[in-house]
Amino acid sequence: MISAALPKGWVVRDFTASIVVFLVAMPLCMGIAVASGMPPEKGLLTGIIGGLVVGLIAGSPLQVSGPAAGLAVIVFELIREHGLAALGAILVLAGALQVLAGVVKVGGWFRAISPAVVHGMLAGIGALIVVGQFHTLFDAKPLSSGLENLAALPGRLFGLDPTNIAGTELALGLGVLTIGLMLGWDKLKPQALRLIPGALVGVVGATLVAFGFGLEVVRVAVPDSLASAVTLPGSDFLGWFLSPTILIAAFAVAFIASAETLLSAAAVDRMHDGVRTDYNKELRAQGVGNLLCGLAGALPMTGVIVRSSANVQAGAITRMSAVLHGAWLLGFAALLPWLLREIPMAALGGVLVVTGWKLVSVSHVRHLFKHYGALPAAIWAVTFVLVIATDLLTGVLVGLALSVLELLPHFRRLRLKVDAEHGDDKHRINLDGAATFVTLPKLNSALDAVPGDQPVHLAFDKVPAIDHTSAETLRDWVQRRRARGLKVELSGHPDQLRKLQPA
């Protein structure tokens, strides 16, 4: 029954895509676990749950779930302050909050979070990962805060001894080799091998060099049995739920994981023309996944854009690709732990340095300033700085508070009327009022209801202002429909329509 509604050959395409995603996910799962201050097998455990469980029930069929770099910093801090036992309780609470949020249908509100805040947060996380994993390149452990890691960088470099190539220098060489292979592969890879991920090339290359020359460097430590990676709740588990600090941490993890997941899902929807994301269902699925991760003592999970985009680009058709990638992770970790133990820790550090650097997208802040002015760019910058200088939650909350400033000039016209006219051969949406992030859920509902095979006319004649959050959403929606060959007409004041033009 399923195959009748799907393109011919979907089984083969999902199977091959799942292998590609597995090859992308394996080094990232282990590297993110290391960046989070946890053993590598904990990241693999989260990836397995994300594939085998969340993949089956996700609201975004082509999105892949697993450990995310965006949560590595906050997990590192939580473990340092409260220990591994508290992390399990935090994830159980966070998962329950996500399930509840999906049940009461607040998924649409996460799509209304300012892109300036989200990208500022991700840039701050990326910078923290880079300065933290820089120390892993020297076979050393990251320090307790981003500023301390940054301050210690000169000492690491000046402590090198070019005349005595020993453990530290060898580890750095392997880390630099990993980075070089990743960047070189991304630029020079043949078209026929384009689906092979750079992270895999970097890790395999560094591992072969370390093994071939018998280099004495720190390697990944994984247990012989994956079952030993599962840490069930202890007798004090329920006691953690009475701590206000744990409750706040659970809320922070749930909020950040949900925002990252749903923004990733929206990005995945722009990559294909298949089934659209059910945001509330996706929230519930992520909640179930984090509940299980908390009970198993694993890392938190989100929907992750790198693995999801690899899934789409590899030609996946259904959710079975994400499910199978979890099966490959399980089989590899269970049957070949000896192979994982040959990977140098510095190679995983190199993978995370490149991953973190890609999160620091300066081009996005330039885009914000060019198209929307100084305020969105300032929101990005403040969020970025505070995430590095204070903590993740403070940076995000201040960024969200600053987003409210965009509403002040239009305070009297914050109510947006959305009038949809359904014709036999054309769909028309008339907007009246300021289009801001406050009214974005209503606007998204109207856009989602537009038939997928009809031309549409969006009338902005009575819209005095469009903030950057709504403009980004509208522009992506318009571009996606036009890419499918559907006609989209826009009318209104040139100043507002200019914000909807391609970036």
Protein backbone atom coordinates (compact mmCIF):
# COMPACT_ATOMS: atom_id res chain seq x y z
CA MET A 1 0.00 0.00 0.00
CA ILE A 2 2.87 2.36 0.79
CA SER A 3 4.86 1.41 -2.30
CA ALA A 4 1.92 2.22 -4.57
CA ALA A 5 2.07 5.86 -3.56
CA LEU A 6 5.86 6.16 -3.75
CA PRO A 7 8.29 6.41 -6.68
CA LYS A 8 9.60 3.18 -8.12
CA GLY A 9 12.82 2.08 -6.47
CA TRP A 10 12.22 3.83 -3.15
CA VAL A 11 13.48 0.81 -1.19
CA VAL A 12 16.87 0.96 -2.88
CA ARG A 13 17.07 4.75 -2.51
CA ASP A 14 16.25 4.64 1.21
CA PHE A 15 18.74 1.83 1.73
CA THR A 16 21.62 3.65 0.04
CA ALA A 17 20.72 6.96 1.71
CA SER A 18 20.75 5.28 5.11
CA ILE A 19 24.37 4.17 4.56
CA VAL A 20 25.39 7.71 3.64
CA VAL A 21 23.69 9.11 6.75
CA PHE A 22 25.33 6.43 8.89
CA LEU A 23 28.77 7.42 7.59
CA VAL A 24 28.03 11.08 8.38
CA ALA A 25 26.53 10.33 11.79
CA MET A 26 29.12 7.94 13.22
CA PRO A 27 32.05 10.38 13.68
CA LEU A 28 29.71 13.21 14.66
CA CYS A 29 27.94 11.13 17.33
CA MET A 30 31.26 10.26 18.96
CA GLY A 31 32.76 13.72 18.52
CA ILE A 32 29.76 15.51 20.02
CA ALA A 33 29.83 13.13 22.99
CA VAL A 34 33.49 14.01 23.58
CA ALA A 35 32.70 17.73 23.26
CA SER A 36 29.92 17.23 25.82
CA GLY A 37 32.30 15.70 28.34
CA MET A 38 30.86 12.19 27.94
CA PRO A 39 32.25 8.88 26.61
CA PRO A 40 31.93 8.41 22.81
CA GLU A 41 29.57 5.44 23.14
CA LYS A 42 26.97 7.73 24.77
CA GLY A 43 26.72 9.67 21.52
CA LEU A 44 26.31 6.45 19.54
CA LEU A 45 23.53 5.40 21.92
CA THR A 46 21.68 8.65 21.28
CA GLY A 47 22.09 8.21 17.53
CA ILE A 48 20.69 4.68 17.76
CA ILE A 49 17.62 5.86 19.70
CA GLY A 50 17.21 8.76 17.28
CA GLY A 51 17.14 6.37 14.34
CA LEU A 52 15.31 3.28 15.57
CA VAL A 53 12.73 5.01 17.78
CA VAL A 54 12.32 8.66 16.78
CA GLY A 55 12.76 7.82 13.10
CA LEU A 56 9.65 5.65 13.24
CA ILE A 57 7.37 8.24 14.87
CA ALA A 58 8.84 11.56 13.67
CA GLY A 59 6.66 14.28 12.21
CA SER A 60 9.39 15.13 9.70
CA PRO A 61 9.97 11.89 7.76
CA LEU A 62 13.30 12.86 6.20
CA GLN A 63 14.80 14.55 9.26
CA VAL A 64 17.48 12.58 11.12
CA SER A 65 17.73 12.83 14.91
CA GLY A 66 20.75 12.36 17.14
CA PRO A 67 23.24 14.21 19.36
CA ALA A 68 23.67 17.82 18.24
CA ALA A 69 26.56 20.24 18.51
CA GLY A 70 24.04 22.87 19.57
CA LEU A 71 23.56 21.13 22.93
CA ALA A 72 27.18 20.09 23.56
CA VAL A 73 28.05 23.24 25.48
CA ILE A 74 25.06 23.16 27.81
CA VAL A 75 25.53 19.40 28.46
CA PHE A 76 29.20 19.98 29.31
CA GLU A 77 28.19 22.63 31.85
CA LEU A 78 25.43 20.47 33.35
CA ILE A 79 27.74 17.49 33.83
CA ARG A 80 30.43 19.70 35.38
CA GLU A 81 27.98 21.24 37.85
CA HIS A 82 25.64 18.34 38.65
CA GLY A 83 27.19 15.11 37.36
CA LEU A 84 25.97 12.40 34.99
CA ALA A 85 23.19 11.23 37.33
CA ALA A 86 21.48 14.62 37.19
CA LEU A 87 21.68 14.73 33.39
CA GLY A 88 19.39 11.70 33.14
CA ALA A 89 16.74 13.40 35.27
CA ILE A 90 17.08 16.62 33.25
CA LEU A 91 16.53 14.77 29.97
CA VAL A 92 13.50 12.89 31.30
CA LEU A 93 11.93 16.20 32.37
CA ALA A 94 12.93 17.91 29.12
CA GLY A 95 11.45 15.05 27.12
CA ALA A 96 8.20 15.22 29.08
CA LEU A 97 8.02 18.97 28.42
CA GLN A 98 8.50 18.38 24.69
CA VAL A 99 5.77 15.74 24.61
CA LEU A 100 3.44 18.10 26.48
CA ALA A 101 4.30 20.95 24.10
CA GLY A 102 3.42 18.74 21.14
CA VAL A 103 0.14 17.64 22.74
CA VAL A 104 -0.99 21.23 23.36
CA LYS A 105 0.15 22.17 19.84
CA VAL A 106 2.74 24.87 20.48
CA GLY A 107 5.06 23.59 17.74
CA GLY A 108 4.16 26.50 15.49
CA TRP A 109 5.41 29.03 18.02
CA PHE A 110 8.95 27.69 17.83
CA ARG A 111 8.94 28.64 14.15
CA ALA A 112 8.33 32.23 15.27
CA ILE A 113 11.65 32.50 17.13
CA SER A 114 13.79 35.24 15.62
CA PRO A 115 16.37 33.86 13.14
CA ALA A 116 18.79 36.44 14.56
CA VAL A 117 18.54 34.79 17.98
CA VAL A 118 18.83 31.26 16.61
CA HIS A 119 21.83 31.98 14.40
CA GLY A 120 23.47 34.09 17.11
CA MET A 121 23.04 31.19 19.52
CA LEU A 122 24.46 28.68 17.03
CA ALA A 123 27.39 30.98 16.24
CA GLY A 124 28.17 31.32 19.96
CA ILE A 125 27.97 27.55 20.39
CA GLY A 126 30.22 27.08 17.36
CA ALA A 127 32.84 29.46 18.79
CA LEU A 128 32.75 27.64 22.15
CA ILE A 129 33.19 24.29 20.44
CA VAL A 130 36.15 25.56 18.43
CA VAL A 131 38.04 26.97 21.43
CA GLY A 132 37.17 23.93 23.56
CA GLN A 133 38.08 21.27 20.99
CA PHE A 134 41.29 23.13 20.18
CA HIS A 135 42.60 21.64 23.43
CA THR A 136 41.50 18.15 22.34
CA LEU A 137 43.86 18.55 19.38
CA PHE A 138 46.67 18.51 21.97
CA ASP A 139 45.32 15.37 23.71
CA ALA A 140 44.18 17.62 26.57
CA LYS A 141 40.73 18.11 28.11
CA PRO A 142 38.78 21.36 27.58
CA LEU A 143 38.56 23.71 30.56
CA SER A 144 35.36 24.58 32.40
CA SER A 145 34.32 27.70 30.46
CA GLY A 146 34.67 29.26 27.05
CA LEU A 147 36.63 32.24 28.32
CA GLU A 148 39.07 29.96 30.18
CA ASN A 149 39.54 27.87 27.03
CA LEU A 150 40.18 31.02 25.03
CA ALA A 151 42.69 32.36 27.56
CA ALA A 152 44.59 29.06 27.55
CA LEU A 153 45.08 28.93 23.77
CA PRO A 154 48.40 30.86 23.66
CA GLY A 155 49.87 28.61 26.36
CA ARG A 156 49.05 25.49 24.31
CA LEU A 157 50.74 26.90 21.22
CA PHE A 158 53.82 28.28 22.97
CA GLY A 159 54.21 24.99 24.86
CA LEU A 160 54.97 23.09 21.65
CA ASP A 161 58.53 21.85 21.15
CA PRO A 162 59.38 21.49 17.42
CA THR A 163 62.64 19.72 18.32
CA ASN A 164 60.92 16.96 20.27
CA ILE A 165 58.05 15.37 18.36
CA ALA A 166 56.22 13.53 21.14
CA GLY A 167 52.62 12.81 22.15
CA THR A 168 51.29 16.38 22.14
CA GLU A 169 52.90 17.32 18.85
CA LEU A 170 51.82 14.05 17.23
CA ALA A 171 48.22 14.53 18.39
CA LEU A 172 48.17 18.07 17.00
CA GLY A 173 49.53 16.78 13.70
CA LEU A 174 46.73 14.21 13.47
CA GLY A 175 44.13 16.84 14.34
CA VAL A 176 45.47 19.22 11.69
CA LEU A 177 45.57 16.35 9.19
CA THR A 178 41.90 15.60 9.93
CA ILE A 179 40.93 19.26 9.41
CA GLY A 180 42.95 19.47 6.21
CA LEU A 181 41.41 16.30 4.79
CA MET A 182 37.89 17.49 5.64
CA LEU A 183 38.32 20.92 4.07
CA GLY A 184 40.21 19.55 1.07
CA TRP A 185 37.61 16.85 0.44
CA ASP A 186 34.76 19.36 0.58
CA LYS A 187 36.46 21.47 -2.10
CA LEU A 188 38.05 18.85 -4.35
CA LYS A 189 35.95 15.67 -4.05
CA PRO A 190 34.98 14.03 -7.36
CA GLN A 191 31.34 14.23 -8.38
CA ALA A 192 31.07 10.45 -8.31
CA LEU A 193 32.10 10.42 -4.62
CA ARG A 194 30.20 13.52 -3.52
CA LEU A 195 28.07 11.59 -0.99
CA ILE A 196 31.10 10.45 1.03
CA PRO A 197 31.27 12.88 4.00
CA GLY A 198 34.39 14.89 4.72
CA ALA A 199 34.26 13.97 8.42
CA LEU A 200 34.61 10.29 7.52
CA VAL A 201 37.54 10.99 5.17
CA GLY A 202 39.30 13.02 7.88
CA VAL A 203 38.82 10.45 10.64
CA VAL A 204 39.76 7.48 8.44
CA GLY A 205 42.86 9.27 7.16
CA ALA A 206 44.09 10.23 10.64
CA THR A 207 43.31 6.74 11.99
CA LEU A 208 45.28 5.04 9.21
CA VAL A 209 48.28 7.29 9.82
CA ALA A 210 48.16 6.69 13.59
CA PHE A 211 47.79 2.92 13.10
CA GLY A 212 50.34 2.62 10.29
CA PHE A 213 53.08 4.45 12.18
CA GLY A 214 52.11 3.12 15.62
CA LEU A 215 51.79 6.64 17.03
CA GLU A 216 51.49 6.96 20.81
CA VAL A 217 48.46 9.24 21.07
CA VAL A 218 45.23 9.12 23.08
CA ARG A 219 42.61 7.04 21.32
CA VAL A 220 38.85 6.64 21.66
CA ALA A 221 37.86 4.44 24.58
CA VAL A 222 34.71 2.41 23.98
CA PRO A 223 33.51 -0.69 25.88
CA ASP A 224 33.41 -4.17 24.35
CA SER A 225 29.65 -4.30 24.92
CA LEU A 226 27.32 -1.46 23.95
CA ALA A 227 24.99 -2.60 26.74
CA SER A 228 27.50 -1.28 29.26
CA ALA A 229 26.93 2.22 27.83
CA VAL A 230 23.36 2.10 29.16
CA THR A 231 23.18 3.65 32.62
CA LEU A 232 19.77 3.11 34.21
CA PRO A 233 18.42 5.58 36.82
CA GLY A 234 19.71 5.15 40.37
CA SER A 235 17.89 5.26 43.67
CA ASP A 236 18.22 9.05 43.93
CA PHE A 237 16.68 9.64 40.49
CA LEU A 238 13.31 11.01 41.66
CA GLY A 239 15.01 13.30 44.18
CA TRP A 240 16.51 15.37 41.38
CA PHE A 241 13.01 16.44 40.29
CA LEU A 242 12.65 18.49 43.50
CA SER A 243 15.63 20.72 42.68
CA PRO A 244 14.74 24.15 41.17
CA THR A 245 18.11 24.19 39.38
CA ILE A 246 17.32 20.89 37.66
CA LEU A 247 13.87 22.15 36.64
CA ILE A 248 15.38 25.28 35.07
CA ALA A 249 18.00 23.19 33.27
CA ALA A 250 15.30 20.85 31.93
CA PHE A 251 13.33 23.80 30.60
CA ALA A 252 16.46 25.20 28.93
CA VAL A 253 17.30 21.88 27.27
CA ALA A 254 13.69 21.37 26.11
CA PHE A 255 13.47 24.90 24.69
CA ILE A 256 16.79 24.86 22.86
CA ALA A 257 16.39 21.29 21.58
CA SER A 258 12.87 22.03 20.32
CA ALA A 259 13.90 25.26 18.59
CA GLU A 260 16.87 23.61 16.89
CA THR A 261 14.75 20.60 15.86
CA LEU A 262 11.88 22.56 14.35
CA LEU A 263 14.12 25.06 12.57
CA SER A 264 16.05 22.11 11.13
CA ALA A 265 12.75 20.52 10.06
CA ALA A 266 11.74 23.73 8.29
CA ALA A 267 15.09 23.74 6.47
CA VAL A 268 14.62 20.09 5.46
CA ASP A 269 11.16 20.90 4.06
CA ARG A 270 12.79 23.45 1.75
CA MET A 271 15.02 20.71 0.30
CA HIS A 272 12.34 18.35 -1.00
CA ASP A 273 8.79 18.23 -2.34
CA GLY A 274 7.59 15.27 -0.29
CA VAL A 275 5.54 15.10 2.90
CA ARG A 276 5.66 18.33 4.92
CA THR A 277 6.58 18.38 8.60
CA ASP A 278 3.91 17.98 11.26
CA TYR A 279 5.61 20.21 13.85
CA ASN A 280 3.59 19.07 16.85
CA LYS A 281 4.11 15.40 15.98
CA GLU A 282 7.84 16.07 15.60
CA LEU A 283 7.91 17.69 19.05
CA ARG A 284 6.21 14.66 20.59
CA ALA A 285 8.64 12.30 18.87
CA GLN A 286 11.66 14.29 20.08
CA GLY A 287 10.19 14.25 23.58
CA VAL A 288 9.90 10.46 23.51
CA GLY A 289 13.49 10.26 22.29
CA ASN A 290 14.85 12.48 25.04
CA LEU A 291 12.85 10.58 27.65
CA LEU A 292 14.51 7.36 26.53
CA CYS A 293 17.93 9.03 26.38
CA GLY A 294 17.47 10.23 29.95
CA LEU A 295 16.48 6.76 31.16
CA ALA A 296 19.41 5.17 29.30
CA GLY A 297 21.99 7.73 30.46
CA ALA A 298 22.70 8.99 26.94
CA LEU A 299 23.13 12.45 25.39
CA PRO A 300 20.14 14.66 24.54
CA MET A 301 18.97 14.64 20.94
CA THR A 302 17.58 17.04 18.40
CA GLY A 303 16.77 16.94 14.72
CA VAL A 304 20.12 17.73 13.08
CA ILE A 305 20.51 19.58 9.81
CA VAL A 306 23.86 18.10 8.68
CA ARG A 307 22.64 14.49 8.80
CA SER A 308 19.17 15.47 7.53
CA SER A 309 20.54 17.34 4.50
CA ALA A 310 22.80 14.37 3.72
CA ASN A 311 19.69 12.17 3.88
CA VAL A 312 17.81 14.31 1.37
CA GLN A 313 20.80 14.75 -0.95
CA ALA A 314 21.37 10.99 -0.95
CA GLY A 315 17.87 10.51 -2.36
CA ALA A 316 15.86 9.29 0.64
CA ILE A 317 12.13 8.94 0.04
CA THR A 318 10.68 7.73 3.36
CA ARG A 319 11.47 7.61 7.07
CA MET A 320 13.02 4.16 6.63
CA SER A 321 16.35 5.77 5.73
CA ALA A 322 16.57 7.41 9.17
CA VAL A 323 15.49 4.17 10.86
CA LEU A 324 18.06 2.08 8.99
CA HIS A 325 20.87 4.51 9.82
CA GLY A 326 20.12 3.77 13.49
CA ALA A 327 20.38 0.06 12.75
CA TRP A 328 23.79 0.52 11.10
CA LEU A 329 25.01 2.50 14.14
CA LEU A 330 23.81 -0.28 16.43
CA GLY A 331 25.45 -3.01 14.38
CA PHE A 332 28.76 -1.16 14.04
CA ALA A 333 28.99 -0.25 17.75
CA ALA A 334 28.00 -3.77 18.84
CA LEU A 335 30.16 -5.77 16.43
CA LEU A 336 33.22 -3.58 15.76
CA PRO A 337 34.17 -1.77 18.98
CA TRP A 338 37.85 -2.73 18.41
CA LEU A 339 37.83 -0.63 15.24
CA LEU A 340 36.45 2.42 17.03
CA ARG A 341 39.25 2.12 19.59
CA GLU A 342 41.82 2.84 16.86
CA ILE A 343 40.45 6.36 16.27
CA PRO A 344 42.68 9.12 17.73
CA MET A 345 40.86 11.55 20.03
CA ALA A 346 42.60 14.40 18.21
CA ALA A 347 40.83 13.30 14.99
CA LEU A 348 37.44 13.69 16.67
CA GLY A 349 38.61 17.08 17.96
CA GLY A 350 39.44 18.07 14.39
CA VAL A 351 35.95 17.06 13.23
CA LEU A 352 34.39 19.20 15.95
CA VAL A 353 36.63 22.20 15.19
CA VAL A 354 35.39 22.18 11.58
CA THR A 355 31.78 21.58 12.70
CA GLY A 356 31.95 24.45 15.20
CA TRP A 357 33.56 26.78 12.69
CA LYS A 358 30.75 26.17 10.20
CA LEU A 359 28.22 27.20 12.86
CA VAL A 360 29.89 30.62 13.15
CA SER A 361 28.20 31.98 10.03
CA VAL A 362 29.30 35.60 9.71
CA SER A 363 27.54 35.71 6.35
CA HIS A 364 24.21 35.46 8.16
CA VAL A 365 24.77 38.60 10.22
CA ARG A 366 25.82 40.42 7.05
CA HIS A 367 22.59 39.22 5.43
CA LEU A 368 20.55 40.50 8.40
CA PHE A 369 22.20 43.92 8.30
CA LYS A 370 21.88 44.28 4.53
CA HIS A 371 18.20 43.30 4.29
CA TYR A 372 16.71 44.30 7.65
CA GLY A 373 18.94 46.94 9.21
CA ALA A 374 20.99 47.33 12.37
CA LEU A 375 18.57 45.95 14.98
CA PRO A 376 18.43 42.28 13.83
CA ALA A 377 22.22 42.35 13.33
CA ALA A 378 22.62 43.75 16.86
CA ILE A 379 20.35 41.00 18.26
CA TRP A 380 22.61 38.42 16.57
CA ALA A 381 25.75 40.04 17.97
CA VAL A 382 24.43 40.38 21.55
CA THR A 383 23.22 36.77 21.58
CA PHE A 384 26.56 35.60 20.20
CA VAL A 385 28.63 37.51 22.77
CA LEU A 386 26.48 36.53 25.76
CA VAL A 387 26.48 32.83 24.85
CA ILE A 388 30.29 32.95 24.96
CA ALA A 389 30.72 35.28 27.94
CA THR A 390 27.92 33.97 30.20
CA ASP A 391 25.91 30.89 29.28
CA LEU A 392 23.59 29.56 26.60
CA LEU A 393 20.29 30.28 28.35
CA THR A 394 21.24 33.86 29.25
CA GLY A 395 22.26 34.61 25.68
CA VAL A 396 19.05 33.20 24.23
CA LEU A 397 16.74 34.92 26.74
CA VAL A 398 18.41 38.30 26.24
CA GLY A 399 18.20 37.83 22.47
CA LEU A 400 14.50 37.03 22.70
CA ALA A 401 13.94 40.07 24.92
CA LEU A 402 15.70 42.31 22.40
CA SER A 403 13.47 40.88 19.65
CA VAL A 404 10.52 42.57 21.35
CA LEU A 405 12.05 45.94 20.39
CA GLU A 406 11.06 45.22 16.79
CA LEU A 407 7.42 45.37 17.85
CA LEU A 408 7.50 48.86 19.40
CA PRO A 409 7.14 50.93 16.19
CA HIS A 410 4.06 48.90 15.23
CA PHE A 411 2.48 48.44 18.64
CA ARG A 412 -0.90 49.80 17.54
CA ARG A 413 -1.16 47.46 14.56
CA LEU A 414 0.13 44.19 15.97
CA ARG A 415 -3.10 42.38 15.13
CA LEU A 416 -2.72 40.77 11.72
CA LYS A 417 -5.88 39.84 9.83
CA VAL A 418 -5.42 36.98 7.40
CA ASP A 419 -8.24 36.60 4.89
CA ALA A 420 -7.96 33.60 2.56
CA GLU A 421 -10.07 33.50 -0.62
CA HIS A 422 -10.40 30.11 -2.26
CA GLY A 423 -11.08 30.23 -5.99
CA ASP A 424 -11.39 27.45 -8.55
CA ASP A 425 -8.15 28.36 -10.28
CA LYS A 426 -6.38 30.75 -7.87
CA HIS A 427 -5.85 31.19 -4.15
CA ARG A 428 -5.62 34.69 -2.66
CA ILE A 429 -4.43 35.73 0.81
CA ASN A 430 -5.13 39.29 1.96
CA LEU A 431 -3.09 40.58 4.93
CA ASP A 432 -4.06 43.56 7.08
CA GLY A 433 -1.72 44.71 9.86
CA ALA A 434 1.94 44.35 10.77
CA ALA A 435 3.47 40.95 9.95
CA THR A 436 5.59 40.19 13.03
CA PHE A 437 6.78 37.09 14.85
CA VAL A 438 3.82 37.47 17.25
CA THR A 439 1.38 36.66 14.44
CA LEU A 440 3.61 34.25 12.53
CA PRO A 441 1.79 31.08 13.70
CA LYS A 442 -1.45 32.44 12.21
CA LEU A 443 0.33 33.36 8.98
CA ASN A 444 2.01 29.96 8.76
CA SER A 445 -1.34 28.23 9.17
CA ALA A 446 -2.75 30.21 6.24
CA LEU A 447 0.29 29.44 4.07
CA ASP A 448 0.18 25.73 4.93
CA ALA A 449 -3.48 25.60 3.90
CA VAL A 450 -2.78 26.83 0.36
CA PRO A 451 -3.42 23.99 -2.16
CA GLY A 452 -0.18 22.59 -3.49
CA ASP A 453 -1.25 22.78 -7.15
CA GLN A 454 -2.79 26.28 -7.45
CA PRO A 455 -1.36 29.73 -8.21
CA VAL A 456 -1.53 32.11 -5.25
CA HIS A 457 -1.70 35.87 -4.79
CA LEU A 458 -0.32 37.39 -1.57
CA ALA A 459 -1.68 40.89 -1.01
CA PHE A 460 0.44 43.10 1.28
CA ASP A 461 -1.30 46.39 0.38
CA LYS A 462 -2.48 46.89 3.99
CA VAL A 463 0.73 45.70 5.64
CA PRO A 464 2.72 48.66 7.05
CA ALA A 465 5.68 46.55 8.19
CA ILE A 466 7.20 43.06 7.97
CA ASP A 467 9.78 42.09 10.57
CA HIS A 468 12.75 39.94 9.62
CA THR A 469 11.31 36.76 11.17
CA SER A 470 8.16 36.93 9.05
CA ALA A 471 10.09 38.11 5.99
CA GLU A 472 12.45 35.12 6.14
CA THR A 473 9.49 32.74 6.45
CA LEU A 474 7.56 34.33 3.59
CA ARG A 475 10.57 34.51 1.29
CA ASP A 476 11.40 30.83 1.83
CA TRP A 477 7.76 29.86 1.21
CA VAL A 478 7.57 31.89 -2.01
CA GLN A 479 10.89 30.55 -3.30
CA ARG A 480 9.90 26.97 -2.56
CA ARG A 481 6.65 27.24 -4.52
CA ARG A 482 8.28 29.02 -7.45
CA ALA A 483 10.97 26.34 -7.57
CA ARG A 484 8.18 23.83 -8.12
CA GLY A 485 6.91 25.83 -11.08
CA LEU A 486 3.90 27.35 -9.28
CA LYS A 487 2.95 30.96 -9.87
CA VAL A 488 3.11 33.30 -6.87
CA GLU A 489 2.01 36.94 -7.27
CA LEU A 490 2.90 39.62 -4.72
CA SER A 491 1.30 43.05 -4.39
CA GLY A 492 1.90 45.86 -1.91
CA HIS A 493 4.31 48.64 -1.00
CA PRO A 494 7.72 48.25 -2.71
CA ASP A 495 9.56 48.64 0.62
CA GLN A 496 7.81 45.58 2.03
CA LEU A 497 8.01 43.51 -1.15
CA ARG A 498 11.75 44.16 -1.36
CA LYS A 499 12.21 42.15 1.85
CA LEU A 500 10.68 39.12 0.14
CA GLN A 501 13.10 39.08 -2.78
CA PRO A 502 15.72 36.29 -2.96
CA ALA A 503 18.69 36.91 -0.66
